[in-house]
Amino acid sequence: MPKMKTKSGAKKRVSFTGTGKIKRKHAYKSHILTKKETKRKRNLTHTALIDKADERNVRRTLAC
């Protein structure tokens, strides 16, 4: 059976912390920013961790 390939879209969107947790960026920070408040845009800048419920699926797409 061939090796499982890493999903290219997933590897571009997430990265790992030193302890093995998965980091992600917030959505809604790419366009139509004029109507959003500065505080909201600033809070979307920071990275977040993948939720525990989604972690198994994300690791599977990354073939870890």
C-alpha atoms as a PDB file:
ATOM      1  CA  MET A   1       0.000   0.000   0.000  1.00  0.00           C
ATOM      2  CA  PRO A   2       1.387   3.451  -0.867  1.00  0.00           C
ATOM      3  CA  LYS A   3       2.246   6.087   1.687  1.00  0.00           C
ATOM      4  CA  MET A   4      -0.427   8.569   2.769  1.00  0.00           C
ATOM      5  CA  LYS A   5       0.200  11.987   1.289  1.00  0.00           C
ATOM      6  CA  THR A   6      -0.055  15.193   3.297  1.00  0.00           C
ATOM      7  CA  LYS A   7      -2.942  17.419   2.162  1.00  0.00           C
ATOM      8  CA  SER A   8      -1.283  20.502   0.664  1.00  0.00           C
ATOM      9  CA  GLY A   9      -4.039  22.843   1.861  1.00  0.00           C
ATOM     10  CA  ALA A  10      -3.715  21.620   5.440  1.00  0.00           C
ATOM     11  CA  LYS A  11       0.054  21.991   5.627  1.00  0.00           C
ATOM     12  CA  LYS A  12      -0.218  25.605   4.447  1.00  0.00           C
ATOM     13  CA  ARG A  13      -2.811  26.480   7.085  1.00  0.00           C
ATOM     14  CA  VAL A  14      -1.496  24.930  10.293  1.00  0.00           C
ATOM     15  CA  SER A  15       1.796  24.541  12.150  1.00  0.00           C
ATOM     16  CA  PHE A  16       2.974  22.786  15.286  1.00  0.00           C
ATOM     17  CA  THR A  17       4.037  24.186  18.641  1.00  0.00           C
ATOM     18  CA  GLY A  18       7.065  22.848  20.469  1.00  0.00           C
ATOM     19  CA  THR A  19       4.865  20.595  22.606  1.00  0.00           C
ATOM     20  CA  GLY A  20       3.059  19.097  19.594  1.00  0.00           C
ATOM     21  CA  LYS A  21      -0.154  21.112  19.669  1.00  0.00           C
ATOM     22  CA  ILE A  22      -1.502  22.468  16.389  1.00  0.00           C
ATOM     23  CA  LYS A  23      -1.660  26.218  15.767  1.00  0.00           C
ATOM     24  CA  ARG A  24      -4.040  27.909  13.341  1.00  0.00           C
ATOM     25  CA  LYS A  25      -4.865  31.420  12.216  1.00  0.00           C
ATOM     26  CA  HIS A  26      -8.211  33.126  12.712  1.00  0.00           C
ATOM     27  CA  ALA A  27     -10.632  33.523   9.821  1.00  0.00           C
ATOM     28  CA  TYR A  28     -12.193  36.796   8.608  1.00  0.00           C
ATOM     29  CA  LYS A  29      -8.927  38.760   8.469  1.00  0.00           C
ATOM     30  CA  SER A  30      -8.308  38.769   4.711  1.00  0.00           C
ATOM     31  CA  HIS A  31     -10.672  41.302   3.105  1.00  0.00           C
ATOM     32  CA  ILE A  32     -13.563  43.708   3.731  1.00  0.00           C
ATOM     33  CA  LEU A  33     -11.648  45.087   6.704  1.00  0.00           C
ATOM     34  CA  THR A  34     -12.967  48.659   6.592  1.00  0.00           C
ATOM     35  CA  LYS A  35     -16.246  47.801   8.298  1.00  0.00           C
ATOM     36  CA  LYS A  36     -14.588  45.811  11.086  1.00  0.00           C
ATOM     37  CA  GLU A  37     -13.521  47.514  14.281  1.00  0.00           C
ATOM     38  CA  THR A  38      -9.822  47.901  15.039  1.00  0.00           C
ATOM     39  CA  LYS A  39     -10.148  45.834  18.220  1.00  0.00           C
ATOM     40  CA  ARG A  40     -11.764  42.988  16.313  1.00  0.00           C
ATOM     41  CA  LYS A  41      -9.051  42.996  13.636  1.00  0.00           C
ATOM     42  CA  ARG A  42      -6.326  43.113  16.276  1.00  0.00           C
ATOM     43  CA  ASN A  43      -7.790  40.108  18.095  1.00  0.00           C
ATOM     44  CA  LEU A  44      -7.982  38.150  14.830  1.00  0.00           C
ATOM     45  CA  THR A  45      -4.242  38.680  14.316  1.00  0.00           C
ATOM     46  CA  HIS A  46      -3.200  36.281  17.077  1.00  0.00           C
ATOM     47  CA  THR A  47      -2.913  32.556  16.491  1.00  0.00           C
ATOM     48  CA  ALA A  48      -5.157  30.025  18.179  1.00  0.00           C
ATOM     49  CA  LEU A  49      -4.922  26.315  18.921  1.00  0.00           C
ATOM     50  CA  ILE A  50      -6.948  23.669  17.123  1.00  0.00           C
ATOM     51  CA  ASP A  51      -9.865  22.432  19.222  1.00  0.00           C
ATOM     52  CA  LYS A  52      -9.503  19.004  20.809  1.00  0.00           C
ATOM     53  CA  ALA A  53     -12.515  17.711  18.840  1.00  0.00           C
ATOM     54  CA  ASP A  54     -10.900  18.608  15.494  1.00  0.00           C
ATOM     55  CA  GLU A  55      -7.362  17.518  16.303  1.00  0.00           C
ATOM     56  CA  ARG A  56      -7.743  13.916  15.132  1.00  0.00           C
ATOM     57  CA  ASN A  57      -9.020  14.954  11.702  1.00  0.00           C
ATOM     58  CA  VAL A  58      -6.324  17.586  11.250  1.00  0.00           C
ATOM     59  CA  ARG A  59      -3.551  15.151  12.177  1.00  0.00           C
ATOM     60  CA  ARG A  60      -4.992  12.665   9.695  1.00  0.00           C
ATOM     61  CA  THR A  61      -4.888  15.203   6.847  1.00  0.00           C
ATOM     62  CA  LEU A  62      -1.298  16.003   7.783  1.00  0.00           C
ATOM     63  CA  ALA A  63      -0.520  12.248   7.834  1.00  0.00           C
ATOM     64  CA  CYS A  64       1.321  12.505  11.164  1.00  0.00           C
END
